[in-house]
PDB file of N, CA and C in Angstrom:
ATOM      1  N   MET A   1      37.114   5.829  18.655  1.00  0.00           N
ATOM      2  CA  MET A   1      35.789   5.936  18.141  1.00  0.00           C
ATOM      3  C   MET A   1      35.955   5.508  16.563  1.00  0.00           C
ATOM      4  N   ASP A   2      34.939   4.803  16.086  1.00  0.00           N
ATOM      5  CA  ASP A   2      34.915   4.194  14.815  1.00  0.00           C
ATOM      6  C   ASP A   2      34.079   5.273  14.086  1.00  0.00           C
ATOM      7  N   LEU A   3      34.732   6.067  13.095  1.00  0.00           N
ATOM      8  CA  LEU A   3      33.980   6.851  12.137  1.00  0.00           C
ATOM      9  C   LEU A   3      33.018   6.246  11.341  1.00  0.00           C
ATOM     10  N   GLU A   4      33.280   5.143  10.819  1.00  0.00           N
ATOM     11  CA  GLU A   4      32.404   4.492   9.861  1.00  0.00           C
ATOM     12  C   GLU A   4      30.947   4.237  10.572  1.00  0.00           C
ATOM     13  N   ARG A   5      31.126   3.684  11.897  1.00  0.00           N
ATOM     14  CA  ARG A   5      30.033   3.470  12.636  1.00  0.00           C
ATOM     15  C   ARG A   5      29.161   4.641  13.018  1.00  0.00           C
ATOM     16  N   VAL A   6      29.898   5.681  13.475  1.00  0.00           N
ATOM     17  CA  VAL A   6      29.144   7.034  13.728  1.00  0.00           C
ATOM     18  C   VAL A   6      28.428   7.635  12.424  1.00  0.00           C
ATOM     19  N   LEU A   7      29.121   7.382  11.346  1.00  0.00           N
ATOM     20  CA  LEU A   7      28.404   7.809  10.065  1.00  0.00           C
ATOM     21  C   LEU A   7      27.096   7.058   9.712  1.00  0.00           C
ATOM     22  N   ALA A   8      27.383   5.758  10.015  1.00  0.00           N
ATOM     23  CA  ALA A   8      26.200   4.949   9.606  1.00  0.00           C
ATOM     24  C   ALA A   8      24.967   5.112  10.675  1.00  0.00           C
ATOM     25  N   GLU A   9      25.171   5.380  11.900  1.00  0.00           N
ATOM     26  CA  GLU A   9      24.320   5.778  12.790  1.00  0.00           C
ATOM     27  C   GLU A   9      23.445   7.171  12.454  1.00  0.00           C
ATOM     28  N   LEU A  10      24.325   8.001  12.046  1.00  0.00           N
ATOM     29  CA  LEU A  10      23.855   9.322  11.552  1.00  0.00           C
ATOM     30  C   LEU A  10      23.042   9.178  10.370  1.00  0.00           C
ATOM     31  N   ARG A  11      23.355   8.463   9.506  1.00  0.00           N
ATOM     32  CA  ARG A  11      22.518   8.158   8.116  1.00  0.00           C
ATOM     33  C   ARG A  11      21.132   7.370   8.613  1.00  0.00           C
ATOM     34  N   ASP A  12      21.329   6.452   9.638  1.00  0.00           N
ATOM     35  CA  ASP A  12      20.149   5.953   9.897  1.00  0.00           C
ATOM     36  C   ASP A  12      18.984   6.897  10.637  1.00  0.00           C
ATOM     37  N   GLU A  13      19.715   7.714  11.400  1.00  0.00           N
ATOM     38  CA  GLU A  13      18.768   8.770  11.997  1.00  0.00           C
ATOM     39  C   GLU A  13      18.250   9.722  10.874  1.00  0.00           C
ATOM     40  N   ARG A  14      19.047  10.067   9.971  1.00  0.00           N
ATOM     41  CA  ARG A  14      18.569  10.981   9.090  1.00  0.00           C
ATOM     42  C   ARG A  14      17.294  10.409   8.302  1.00  0.00           C
ATOM     43  N   ASP A  15      17.439   9.081   7.991  1.00  0.00           N
ATOM     44  CA  ASP A  15      16.403   8.443   7.393  1.00  0.00           C
ATOM     45  C   ASP A  15      15.176   8.335   8.198  1.00  0.00           C
ATOM     46  N   ARG A  16      15.267   8.068   9.440  1.00  0.00           N
ATOM     47  CA  ARG A  16      14.031   8.149  10.232  1.00  0.00           C
ATOM     48  C   ARG A  16      13.443   9.584  10.515  1.00  0.00           C
ATOM     49  N   ILE A  17      14.276  10.585  10.450  1.00  0.00           N
ATOM     50  CA  ILE A  17      13.733  11.995  10.580  1.00  0.00           C
ATOM     51  C   ILE A  17      13.072  12.353   9.172  1.00  0.00           C
ATOM     52  N   ASP A  18      13.695  11.893   8.170  1.00  0.00           N
ATOM     53  CA  ASP A  18      13.128  12.080   6.813  1.00  0.00           C
ATOM     54  C   ASP A  18      11.797  11.432   6.575  1.00  0.00           C
ATOM     55  N   ALA A  19      11.605  10.095   7.127  1.00  0.00           N
ATOM     56  CA  ALA A  19      10.243   9.543   7.254  1.00  0.00           C
ATOM     57  C   ALA A  19       9.223  10.281   8.021  1.00  0.00           C
ATOM     58  N   ALA A  20       9.640  10.654   9.145  1.00  0.00           N
ATOM     59  CA  ALA A  20       8.873  11.529   9.976  1.00  0.00           C
ATOM     60  C   ALA A  20       8.284  12.680   9.534  1.00  0.00           C
ATOM     61  N   ILE A  21       9.357  13.506   8.657  1.00  0.00           N
ATOM     62  CA  ILE A  21       8.879  14.650   7.990  1.00  0.00           C
ATOM     63  C   ILE A  21       7.748  14.347   6.826  1.00  0.00           C
ATOM     64  N   VAL A  22       7.942  13.381   6.118  1.00  0.00           N
ATOM     65  CA  VAL A  22       7.053  12.917   5.098  1.00  0.00           C
ATOM     66  C   VAL A  22       5.644  12.599   5.786  1.00  0.00           C
ATOM     67  N   SER A  23       5.621  11.832   6.878  1.00  0.00           N
ATOM     68  CA  SER A  23       4.439  11.425   7.381  1.00  0.00           C
ATOM     69  C   SER A  23       3.602  12.784   7.986  1.00  0.00           C
ATOM     70  N   LEU A  24       4.342  13.570   8.527  1.00  0.00           N
ATOM     71  CA  LEU A  24       3.643  15.016   9.076  1.00  0.00           C
ATOM     72  C   LEU A  24       3.208  15.671   7.830  1.00  0.00           C
ATOM     73  N   GLU A  25       4.012  15.734   6.692  1.00  0.00           N
ATOM     74  CA  GLU A  25       3.630  16.580   5.509  1.00  0.00           C
ATOM     75  C   GLU A  25       2.428  15.841   4.955  1.00  0.00           C
ATOM     76  N   ARG A  26       2.057  14.638   4.974  1.00  0.00           N
ATOM     77  CA  ARG A  26       0.900  13.974   4.430  1.00  0.00           C
ATOM     78  C   ARG A  26      -0.329  14.253   5.250  1.00  0.00           C
ATOM     79  N   LEU A  27       0.027  14.185   6.683  1.00  0.00           N
ATOM     80  CA  LEU A  27      -1.115  14.600   7.759  1.00  0.00           C
ATOM     81  C   LEU A  27      -1.558  16.139   7.293  1.00  0.00           C
ATOM     82  N   ASP A  28      -0.712  16.989   6.876  1.00  0.00           N
ATOM     83  CA  ASP A  28      -1.202  18.381   6.785  1.00  0.00           C
ATOM     84  C   ASP A  28      -1.771  18.642   5.303  1.00  0.00           C
ATOM     85  N   ARG A  29      -1.925  17.738   4.427  1.00  0.00           N
ATOM     86  CA  ARG A  29      -2.680  17.922   3.204  1.00  0.00           C
ATOM     87  C   ARG A  29      -3.913  18.288   3.275  1.00  0.00           C
ATOM     88  N   PRO A  30      -4.176  19.543   2.951  1.00  0.00           N
ATOM     89  CA  PRO A  30      -5.691  19.814   2.928  1.00  0.00           C
ATOM     90  C   PRO A  30      -6.546  19.181   1.599  1.00  0.00           C
ATOM     91  N   GLY A  31      -7.511  18.806   1.867  1.00  0.00           N
ATOM     92  CA  GLY A  31      -8.285  18.250   0.742  1.00  0.00           C
ATOM     93  C   GLY A  31      -8.150  16.834   0.219  1.00  0.00           C
ATOM     94  N   LYS A  32      -7.239  16.166   0.760  1.00  0.00           N
ATOM     95  CA  LYS A  32      -6.782  14.965   0.412  1.00  0.00           C
ATOM     96  C   LYS A  32      -6.771  14.045   1.693  1.00  0.00           C
ATOM     97  N   ALA A  33      -6.879  12.623   1.472  1.00  0.00           N
ATOM     98  CA  ALA A  33      -7.078  11.810   2.635  1.00  0.00           C
ATOM     99  C   ALA A  33      -5.514  11.773   3.141  1.00  0.00           C
ATOM    100  N   GLY A  34      -5.336  12.146   4.309  1.00  0.00           N
ATOM    101  CA  GLY A  34      -4.072  12.003   4.985  1.00  0.00           C
ATOM    102  C   GLY A  34      -3.575  10.790   5.465  1.00  0.00           C
ATOM    103  N   LEU A  35      -2.574  10.688   6.075  1.00  0.00           N
ATOM    104  CA  LEU A  35      -2.136   9.312   6.639  1.00  0.00           C
ATOM    105  C   LEU A  35      -3.027   9.047   7.674  1.00  0.00           C
ATOM    106  N   ARG A  36      -3.334   9.907   8.469  1.00  0.00           N
ATOM    107  CA  ARG A  36      -4.274   9.501   9.608  1.00  0.00           C
ATOM    108  C   ARG A  36      -5.531   8.989   9.141  1.00  0.00           C
ATOM    109  N   ASP A  37      -6.143   9.469   7.913  1.00  0.00           N
ATOM    110  CA  ASP A  37      -7.346   8.720   7.537  1.00  0.00           C
ATOM    111  C   ASP A  37      -7.232   7.439   7.043  1.00  0.00           C
ATOM    112  N   ARG A  38      -6.035   7.236   6.408  1.00  0.00           N
ATOM    113  CA  ARG A  38      -5.687   5.966   5.770  1.00  0.00           C
ATOM    114  C   ARG A  38      -5.300   4.941   6.800  1.00  0.00           C
ATOM    115  N   LEU A  39      -4.727   5.413   8.029  1.00  0.00           N
ATOM    116  CA  LEU A  39      -4.449   4.504   9.184  1.00  0.00           C
ATOM    117  C   LEU A  39      -5.727   4.260   9.987  1.00  0.00           C
ATOM    118  N   ASP A  40      -6.743   5.132  10.051  1.00  0.00           N
ATOM    119  CA  ASP A  40      -8.059   4.825  10.643  1.00  0.00           C
ATOM    120  C   ASP A  40      -8.677   3.767   9.673  1.00  0.00           C
ATOM    121  N   LEU A  41      -8.743   4.039   8.320  1.00  0.00           N
ATOM    122  CA  LEU A  41      -9.304   3.079   7.378  1.00  0.00           C
ATOM    123  C   LEU A  41      -8.732   1.563   7.594  1.00  0.00           C
ATOM    124  N   ALA A  42      -7.573   1.573   7.527  1.00  0.00           N
ATOM    125  CA  ALA A  42      -6.620   0.233   7.639  1.00  0.00           C
ATOM    126  C   ALA A  42      -6.966  -0.281   8.870  1.00  0.00           C
ATOM    127  N   ALA A  43      -7.264   0.421  10.107  1.00  0.00           N
ATOM    128  CA  ALA A  43      -7.543  -0.169  11.329  1.00  0.00           C
ATOM    129  C   ALA A  43      -8.953  -0.744  11.334  1.00  0.00           C
ATOM    130  N   LYS A  44      -9.883  -0.064  10.712  1.00  0.00           N
ATOM    131  CA  LYS A  44     -11.221  -0.549  10.721  1.00  0.00           C
ATOM    132  C   LYS A  44     -11.366  -1.758   9.637  1.00  0.00           C
ATOM    133  N   ASN A  45     -10.476  -1.870   8.732  1.00  0.00           N
ATOM    134  CA  ASN A  45     -10.553  -3.098   7.849  1.00  0.00           C
ATOM    135  C   ASN A  45      -9.920  -4.220   8.533  1.00  0.00           C
ATOM    136  N   HIS A  46      -8.900  -3.926   9.243  1.00  0.00           N
ATOM    137  CA  HIS A  46      -8.162  -5.067   9.990  1.00  0.00           C
ATOM    138  C   HIS A  46      -9.034  -5.577  10.958  1.00  0.00           C
ATOM    139  N   THR A  47     -10.020  -4.974  11.718  1.00  0.00           N
ATOM    140  CA  THR A  47     -10.755  -5.530  12.768  1.00  0.00           C
ATOM    141  C   THR A  47     -12.108  -5.739  12.164  1.00  0.00           C
ATOM    142  N   SER A  48     -12.487  -5.675  11.048  1.00  0.00           N
ATOM    143  CA  SER A  48     -13.777  -5.948  10.496  1.00  0.00           C
ATOM    144  C   SER A  48     -14.157  -7.207  10.297  1.00  0.00           C
ATOM    145  N   GLY A  49     -13.145  -8.193  10.007  1.00  0.00           N
ATOM    146  CA  GLY A  49     -13.512  -9.612   9.755  1.00  0.00           C
ATOM    147  C   GLY A  49     -12.989 -10.584  10.732  1.00  0.00           C
ATOM    148  N   ALA A  50     -13.655 -11.515  11.094  1.00  0.00           N
ATOM    149  CA  ALA A  50     -13.284 -12.498  11.981  1.00  0.00           C
ATOM    150  C   ALA A  50     -12.261 -13.605  11.365  1.00  0.00           C
ATOM    151  N   ASN A  51     -11.171 -13.615  12.047  1.00  0.00           N
ATOM    152  CA  ASN A  51     -10.104 -14.574  11.324  1.00  0.00           C
ATOM    153  C   ASN A  51      -9.603 -14.330   9.963  1.00  0.00           C
ATOM    154  N   GLY A  52      -9.679 -12.909   9.758  1.00  0.00           N
ATOM    155  CA  GLY A  52      -9.121 -12.534   8.440  1.00  0.00           C
ATOM    156  C   GLY A  52     -10.205 -12.656   7.262  1.00  0.00           C
ATOM    157  N   ASN A  53     -11.458 -12.892   7.631  1.00  0.00           N
ATOM    158  CA  ASN A  53     -12.402 -13.031   6.629  1.00  0.00           C
ATOM    159  C   ASN A  53     -13.141 -11.425   6.477  1.00  0.00           C
ATOM    160  N   HIS A  54     -12.417 -10.730   5.757  1.00  0.00           N
ATOM    161  CA  HIS A  54     -12.887  -9.555   5.359  1.00  0.00           C
ATOM    162  C   HIS A  54     -13.941  -9.503   4.429  1.00  0.00           C
ATOM    163  N   ARG A  55     -14.801  -8.505   4.597  1.00  0.00           N
ATOM    164  CA  ARG A  55     -15.882  -8.306   3.607  1.00  0.00           C
ATOM    165  C   ARG A  55     -15.813  -6.993   2.887  1.00  0.00           C
ATOM    166  N   THR A  56     -15.859  -7.070   1.496  1.00  0.00           N
ATOM    167  CA  THR A  56     -15.979  -5.861   0.758  1.00  0.00           C
ATOM    168  C   THR A  56     -17.383  -5.222   0.831  1.00  0.00           C
ATOM    169  N   ALA A  57     -17.486  -4.032   0.312  1.00  0.00           N
ATOM    170  CA  ALA A  57     -18.911  -3.361   0.121  1.00  0.00           C
ATOM    171  C   ALA A  57     -19.824  -4.375  -0.545  1.00  0.00           C
ATOM    172  N   ASN A  58     -19.298  -4.893  -1.530  1.00  0.00           N
ATOM    173  CA  ASN A  58     -20.323  -5.857  -2.412  1.00  0.00           C
ATOM    174  C   ASN A  58     -20.784  -7.002  -1.708  1.00  0.00           C
ATOM    175  N   GLN A  59     -20.088  -7.465  -0.467  1.00  0.00           N
ATOM    176  CA  GLN A  59     -20.492  -8.699   0.144  1.00  0.00           C
ATOM    177  C   GLN A  59     -21.128  -8.222   1.399  1.00  0.00           C
ATOM    178  N   LEU A  60     -21.428  -6.998   1.695  1.00  0.00           N
ATOM    179  CA  LEU A  60     -22.200  -6.671   2.797  1.00  0.00           C
ATOM    180  C   LEU A  60     -23.554  -6.625   2.428  1.00  0.00           C
ATOM    181  N   PRO A  61     -24.359  -7.023   3.429  1.00  0.00           N
ATOM    182  CA  PRO A  61     -25.839  -6.952   3.071  1.00  0.00           C
ATOM    183  C   PRO A  61     -26.285  -5.493   2.532  1.00  0.00           C
ATOM    184  N   GLY A  62     -26.936  -5.608   1.453  1.00  0.00           N
ATOM    185  CA  GLY A  62     -27.330  -4.335   0.798  1.00  0.00           C
ATOM    186  C   GLY A  62     -26.395  -3.629   0.000  1.00  0.00           C
ATOM    187  N   GLY A  63     -25.192  -4.389  -0.055  1.00  0.00           N
ATOM    188  CA  GLY A  63     -23.994  -3.711  -1.092  1.00  0.00           C
ATOM    189  C   GLY A  63     -24.376  -3.757  -2.593  1.00  0.00           C
ATOM    190  N   GLU A  64     -23.750  -2.745  -3.096  1.00  0.00           N
ATOM    191  CA  GLU A  64     -24.103  -2.537  -4.612  1.00  0.00           C
ATOM    192  C   GLU A  64     -22.985  -3.334  -5.513  1.00  0.00           C
TER     193      GLU A  64
END
């Protein structure tokens, strides 16, 4: 058994777990836009324009 390889795999797993914890904590923030809100917004923006031609609120009809 290669101890260095095992340690590297454990560190990688720790990094993934830390990232999951941070994501869940962001979802649980009351009163602030959580990760879910930002992902929903990003998904809407990604699909809003044809061929990457996204419009901002100023470019939409009736935009201010």
